[in-house]
Amino acid sequence: MAQLIDPETAFWITIDIIIASLAAYALFKYIKLKRRITKPDNSIEVDQHILTNRFREYLSRKGGRQAVITIFNEVVDGLAEARQLNARKNLTTREILTILNGKLAAEIQNLLHEMYSLYEAARFGGYEPSEVEIDQFSKQLERLDNLSIREYPSRWLNES
């Protein structure tokens, strides 16, 4: 029986295959690790007051009560998404805020809790906010915009 490859060549081919396999495996692991570490840039460069502007739009279309309810839900959902919080659908807004407490800066937490009191009255009590309360809520949104613009998910740009 004739031998096609001498033993030394077969040995070096085997070594080459092992080295190529290890290099491919290392490259695969590096790419996988890089994807996990690198997060997409969710910052908003175009408009630093996206929530404030959207709130004004909602005010003109829906009125104060619905504008407060809609924008606050967007804020909480957006922050939960940005913090990769897998909030179950059965959680209330207050429960989501409680979970987010440890994941947000103290000033943002305080703002959200201040805003929540008006949201709660509007949503559950049918309360129609006064002009002063609307103005205060708008200023709180603006501060939130300024504090955490890089935290906002880019999906806020696409929702209407």
C-alpha atoms as a PDB file:
ATOM      1  CA  MET A   1       0.000   0.000   0.000  1.00  0.00           C
ATOM      2  CA  ALA A   2       1.397   3.315  -1.053  1.00  0.00           C
ATOM      3  CA  GLN A   3       1.531   6.100   1.486  1.00  0.00           C
ATOM      4  CA  LEU A   4       0.299   9.456   0.119  1.00  0.00           C
ATOM      5  CA  ILE A   5       1.884  11.772   2.731  1.00  0.00           C
ATOM      6  CA  ASP A   6       4.975  11.132   4.731  1.00  0.00           C
ATOM      7  CA  PRO A   7       4.556  11.189   8.539  1.00  0.00           C
ATOM      8  CA  GLU A   8       6.456  14.460   9.046  1.00  0.00           C
ATOM      9  CA  THR A   9       4.248  16.356   6.565  1.00  0.00           C
ATOM     10  CA  ALA A  10       1.111  14.901   8.152  1.00  0.00           C
ATOM     11  CA  PHE A  11       2.378  16.021  11.561  1.00  0.00           C
ATOM     12  CA  TRP A  12       2.926  19.623  10.392  1.00  0.00           C
ATOM     13  CA  ILE A  13      -0.435  19.743   8.606  1.00  0.00           C
ATOM     14  CA  THR A  14      -2.104  18.603  11.836  1.00  0.00           C
ATOM     15  CA  ILE A  15      -0.236  21.289  13.820  1.00  0.00           C
ATOM     16  CA  ASP A  16      -1.269  23.947  11.247  1.00  0.00           C
ATOM     17  CA  ILE A  17      -4.913  22.887  11.479  1.00  0.00           C
ATOM     18  CA  ILE A  18      -4.808  23.040  15.284  1.00  0.00           C
ATOM     19  CA  ILE A  19      -3.217  26.522  15.228  1.00  0.00           C
ATOM     20  CA  ALA A  20      -5.731  27.782  12.653  1.00  0.00           C
ATOM     21  CA  SER A  21      -8.600  26.375  14.742  1.00  0.00           C
ATOM     22  CA  LEU A  22      -7.284  28.050  17.896  1.00  0.00           C
ATOM     23  CA  ALA A  23      -6.879  31.376  16.058  1.00  0.00           C
ATOM     24  CA  ALA A  24     -10.428  31.166  14.665  1.00  0.00           C
ATOM     25  CA  TYR A  25     -11.787  30.279  18.119  1.00  0.00           C
ATOM     26  CA  ALA A  26      -9.899  33.177  19.746  1.00  0.00           C
ATOM     27  CA  LEU A  27     -11.170  35.585  17.076  1.00  0.00           C
ATOM     28  CA  PHE A  28     -14.739  34.367  17.590  1.00  0.00           C
ATOM     29  CA  LYS A  29     -14.467  34.799  21.369  1.00  0.00           C
ATOM     30  CA  TYR A  30     -12.951  38.290  20.937  1.00  0.00           C
ATOM     31  CA  ILE A  31     -15.782  39.408  18.642  1.00  0.00           C
ATOM     32  CA  LYS A  32     -18.397  37.988  21.007  1.00  0.00           C
ATOM     33  CA  LEU A  33     -16.794  39.737  23.990  1.00  0.00           C
ATOM     34  CA  LYS A  34     -16.472  43.003  22.075  1.00  0.00           C
ATOM     35  CA  ARG A  35     -20.182  42.924  21.163  1.00  0.00           C
ATOM     36  CA  ARG A  36     -21.134  42.320  24.777  1.00  0.00           C
ATOM     37  CA  ILE A  37     -18.930  45.127  26.124  1.00  0.00           C
ATOM     38  CA  THR A  38     -19.662  47.687  23.430  1.00  0.00           C
ATOM     39  CA  LYS A  39     -23.094  49.204  23.895  1.00  0.00           C
ATOM     40  CA  PRO A  40     -24.801  51.090  21.100  1.00  0.00           C
ATOM     41  CA  ASP A  41     -24.631  54.861  21.334  1.00  0.00           C
ATOM     42  CA  ASN A  42     -28.105  55.872  22.409  1.00  0.00           C
ATOM     43  CA  SER A  43     -27.266  59.513  22.823  1.00  0.00           C
ATOM     44  CA  ILE A  44     -29.360  62.137  21.160  1.00  0.00           C
ATOM     45  CA  GLU A  45     -27.313  64.810  19.452  1.00  0.00           C
ATOM     46  CA  VAL A  46     -30.000  66.560  17.429  1.00  0.00           C
ATOM     47  CA  ASP A  47     -32.377  67.808  20.097  1.00  0.00           C
ATOM     48  CA  GLN A  48     -31.393  67.982  23.738  1.00  0.00           C
ATOM     49  CA  HIS A  49     -34.955  68.686  24.871  1.00  0.00           C
ATOM     50  CA  ILE A  50     -36.760  65.855  23.127  1.00  0.00           C
ATOM     51  CA  LEU A  51     -39.024  65.058  26.092  1.00  0.00           C
ATOM     52  CA  THR A  52     -39.892  68.680  26.756  1.00  0.00           C
ATOM     53  CA  ASN A  53     -40.764  69.229  23.096  1.00  0.00           C
ATOM     54  CA  ARG A  54     -42.790  66.041  22.956  1.00  0.00           C
ATOM     55  CA  PHE A  55     -44.635  67.071  26.128  1.00  0.00           C
ATOM     56  CA  ARG A  56     -45.560  70.406  24.532  1.00  0.00           C
ATOM     57  CA  GLU A  57     -46.815  68.549  21.474  1.00  0.00           C
ATOM     58  CA  TYR A  58     -48.937  66.263  23.652  1.00  0.00           C
ATOM     59  CA  LEU A  59     -50.285  69.296  25.538  1.00  0.00           C
ATOM     60  CA  SER A  60     -51.538  70.859  22.335  1.00  0.00           C
ATOM     61  CA  ARG A  61     -53.046  67.607  21.019  1.00  0.00           C
ATOM     62  CA  LYS A  62     -54.287  65.797  24.117  1.00  0.00           C
ATOM     63  CA  GLY A  63     -54.566  68.305  26.948  1.00  0.00           C
ATOM     64  CA  GLY A  64     -52.704  68.466  30.262  1.00  0.00           C
ATOM     65  CA  ARG A  65     -53.928  65.299  31.938  1.00  0.00           C
ATOM     66  CA  GLN A  66     -53.230  62.984  28.980  1.00  0.00           C
ATOM     67  CA  ALA A  67     -49.926  64.732  28.217  1.00  0.00           C
ATOM     68  CA  VAL A  68     -48.666  64.094  31.775  1.00  0.00           C
ATOM     69  CA  ILE A  69     -49.755  60.455  31.666  1.00  0.00           C
ATOM     70  CA  THR A  70     -48.308  59.778  28.208  1.00  0.00           C
ATOM     71  CA  ILE A  71     -44.925  61.460  28.660  1.00  0.00           C
ATOM     72  CA  PHE A  72     -44.341  60.040  32.140  1.00  0.00           C
ATOM     73  CA  ASN A  73     -45.011  56.514  30.868  1.00  0.00           C
ATOM     74  CA  GLU A  74     -42.533  57.142  28.026  1.00  0.00           C
ATOM     75  CA  VAL A  75     -39.912  58.398  30.491  1.00  0.00           C
ATOM     76  CA  VAL A  76     -40.257  55.404  32.811  1.00  0.00           C
ATOM     77  CA  ASP A  77     -40.374  52.872  29.954  1.00  0.00           C
ATOM     78  CA  GLY A  78     -37.399  54.526  28.274  1.00  0.00           C
ATOM     79  CA  LEU A  79     -35.280  54.554  31.418  1.00  0.00           C
ATOM     80  CA  ALA A  80     -36.208  50.940  32.148  1.00  0.00           C
ATOM     81  CA  GLU A  81     -35.157  50.021  28.615  1.00  0.00           C
ATOM     82  CA  ALA A  82     -31.931  52.049  28.843  1.00  0.00           C
ATOM     83  CA  ARG A  83     -31.067  50.302  32.113  1.00  0.00           C
ATOM     84  CA  GLN A  84     -31.904  46.941  30.521  1.00  0.00           C
ATOM     85  CA  LEU A  85     -34.584  46.314  33.113  1.00  0.00           C
ATOM     86  CA  ASN A  86     -36.819  43.489  32.011  1.00  0.00           C
ATOM     87  CA  ALA A  87     -39.971  44.936  33.509  1.00  0.00           C
ATOM     88  CA  ARG A  88     -42.835  42.526  33.399  1.00  0.00           C
ATOM     89  CA  LYS A  89     -46.087  43.832  31.975  1.00  0.00           C
ATOM     90  CA  ASN A  90     -47.862  43.257  35.288  1.00  0.00           C
ATOM     91  CA  LEU A  91     -45.644  45.729  37.199  1.00  0.00           C
ATOM     92  CA  THR A  92     -47.081  49.124  38.050  1.00  0.00           C
ATOM     93  CA  THR A  93     -45.250  52.349  37.292  1.00  0.00           C
ATOM     94  CA  ARG A  94     -44.477  52.764  40.988  1.00  0.00           C
ATOM     95  CA  GLU A  95     -42.963  49.254  41.122  1.00  0.00           C
ATOM     96  CA  ILE A  96     -40.801  49.999  38.084  1.00  0.00           C
ATOM     97  CA  LEU A  97     -39.629  53.249  39.724  1.00  0.00           C
ATOM     98  CA  THR A  98     -38.760  51.314  42.877  1.00  0.00           C
ATOM     99  CA  ILE A  99     -36.671  48.860  40.870  1.00  0.00           C
ATOM    100  CA  LEU A 100     -34.991  51.740  38.991  1.00  0.00           C
ATOM    101  CA  ASN A 101     -34.091  53.550  42.250  1.00  0.00           C
ATOM    102  CA  GLY A 102     -30.772  51.785  42.657  1.00  0.00           C
ATOM    103  CA  LYS A 103     -29.876  52.138  38.999  1.00  0.00           C
ATOM    104  CA  LEU A 104     -30.277  55.918  38.570  1.00  0.00           C
ATOM    105  CA  ALA A 105     -28.514  58.998  39.918  1.00  0.00           C
ATOM    106  CA  ALA A 106     -30.090  60.442  43.075  1.00  0.00           C
ATOM    107  CA  GLU A 107     -31.140  63.678  41.368  1.00  0.00           C
ATOM    108  CA  ILE A 108     -32.922  61.771  38.594  1.00  0.00           C
ATOM    109  CA  GLN A 109     -34.648  59.582  41.194  1.00  0.00           C
ATOM    110  CA  ASN A 110     -35.859  62.682  43.050  1.00  0.00           C
ATOM    111  CA  LEU A 111     -37.173  64.250  39.848  1.00  0.00           C
ATOM    112  CA  LEU A 112     -39.044  61.093  38.903  1.00  0.00           C
ATOM    113  CA  HIS A 113     -40.665  60.827  42.323  1.00  0.00           C
ATOM    114  CA  GLU A 114     -41.715  64.502  42.220  1.00  0.00           C
ATOM    115  CA  MET A 115     -43.189  63.989  38.751  1.00  0.00           C
ATOM    116  CA  TYR A 116     -44.876  60.768  39.847  1.00  0.00           C
ATOM    117  CA  SER A 117     -47.149  62.570  42.303  1.00  0.00           C
ATOM    118  CA  LEU A 118     -48.761  64.595  39.484  1.00  0.00           C
ATOM    119  CA  TYR A 119     -48.835  61.533  37.212  1.00  0.00           C
ATOM    120  CA  GLU A 120     -50.578  59.471  39.884  1.00  0.00           C
ATOM    121  CA  ALA A 121     -53.224  62.146  40.495  1.00  0.00           C
ATOM    122  CA  ALA A 122     -53.838  62.562  36.760  1.00  0.00           C
ATOM    123  CA  ARG A 123     -53.891  58.869  35.934  1.00  0.00           C
ATOM    124  CA  PHE A 124     -55.740  57.377  38.848  1.00  0.00           C
ATOM    125  CA  GLY A 125     -57.637  60.353  40.243  1.00  0.00           C
ATOM    126  CA  GLY A 126     -58.770  61.880  36.961  1.00  0.00           C
ATOM    127  CA  TYR A 127     -57.119  65.122  38.102  1.00  0.00           C
ATOM    128  CA  GLU A 128     -56.693  67.873  35.495  1.00  0.00           C
ATOM    129  CA  PRO A 129     -53.407  69.681  36.273  1.00  0.00           C
ATOM    130  CA  SER A 130     -53.423  73.476  36.524  1.00  0.00           C
ATOM    131  CA  GLU A 131     -51.256  75.719  34.342  1.00  0.00           C
ATOM    132  CA  VAL A 132     -48.788  76.129  37.219  1.00  0.00           C
ATOM    133  CA  GLU A 133     -48.499  72.352  37.666  1.00  0.00           C
ATOM    134  CA  ILE A 134     -48.087  71.862  33.911  1.00  0.00           C
ATOM    135  CA  ASP A 135     -45.334  74.492  33.880  1.00  0.00           C
ATOM    136  CA  GLN A 136     -43.614  72.870  36.859  1.00  0.00           C
ATOM    137  CA  PHE A 137     -43.877  69.418  35.257  1.00  0.00           C
ATOM    138  CA  SER A 138     -42.414  70.834  32.034  1.00  0.00           C
ATOM    139  CA  LYS A 139     -39.479  72.332  33.961  1.00  0.00           C
ATOM    140  CA  GLN A 140     -38.882  68.993  35.663  1.00  0.00           C
ATOM    141  CA  LEU A 141     -38.852  67.299  32.262  1.00  0.00           C
ATOM    142  CA  GLU A 142     -36.362  69.873  31.026  1.00  0.00           C
ATOM    143  CA  ARG A 143     -34.100  69.196  34.019  1.00  0.00           C
ATOM    144  CA  LEU A 144     -34.433  65.482  33.327  1.00  0.00           C
ATOM    145  CA  ASP A 145     -33.476  66.138  29.703  1.00  0.00           C
ATOM    146  CA  ASN A 146     -30.406  68.054  30.857  1.00  0.00           C
ATOM    147  CA  LEU A 147     -29.373  65.517  33.499  1.00  0.00           C
ATOM    148  CA  SER A 148     -29.669  62.309  31.549  1.00  0.00           C
ATOM    149  CA  ILE A 149     -29.700  63.055  27.820  1.00  0.00           C
ATOM    150  CA  ARG A 150     -27.196  60.256  27.194  1.00  0.00           C
ATOM    151  CA  GLU A 151     -29.420  57.781  29.031  1.00  0.00           C
ATOM    152  CA  TYR A 152     -32.382  58.108  26.710  1.00  0.00           C
ATOM    153  CA  PRO A 153     -32.996  55.307  24.281  1.00  0.00           C
ATOM    154  CA  SER A 154     -33.026  56.316  20.640  1.00  0.00           C
ATOM    155  CA  ARG A 155     -36.549  54.895  20.269  1.00  0.00           C
ATOM    156  CA  TRP A 156     -37.871  58.146  21.783  1.00  0.00           C
ATOM    157  CA  LEU A 157     -36.898  59.840  18.558  1.00  0.00           C
ATOM    158  CA  ASN A 158     -39.182  57.579  16.536  1.00  0.00           C
ATOM    159  CA  GLU A 159     -42.329  57.496  18.686  1.00  0.00           C
ATOM    160  CA  SER A 160     -45.140  59.936  18.056  1.00  0.00           C
END
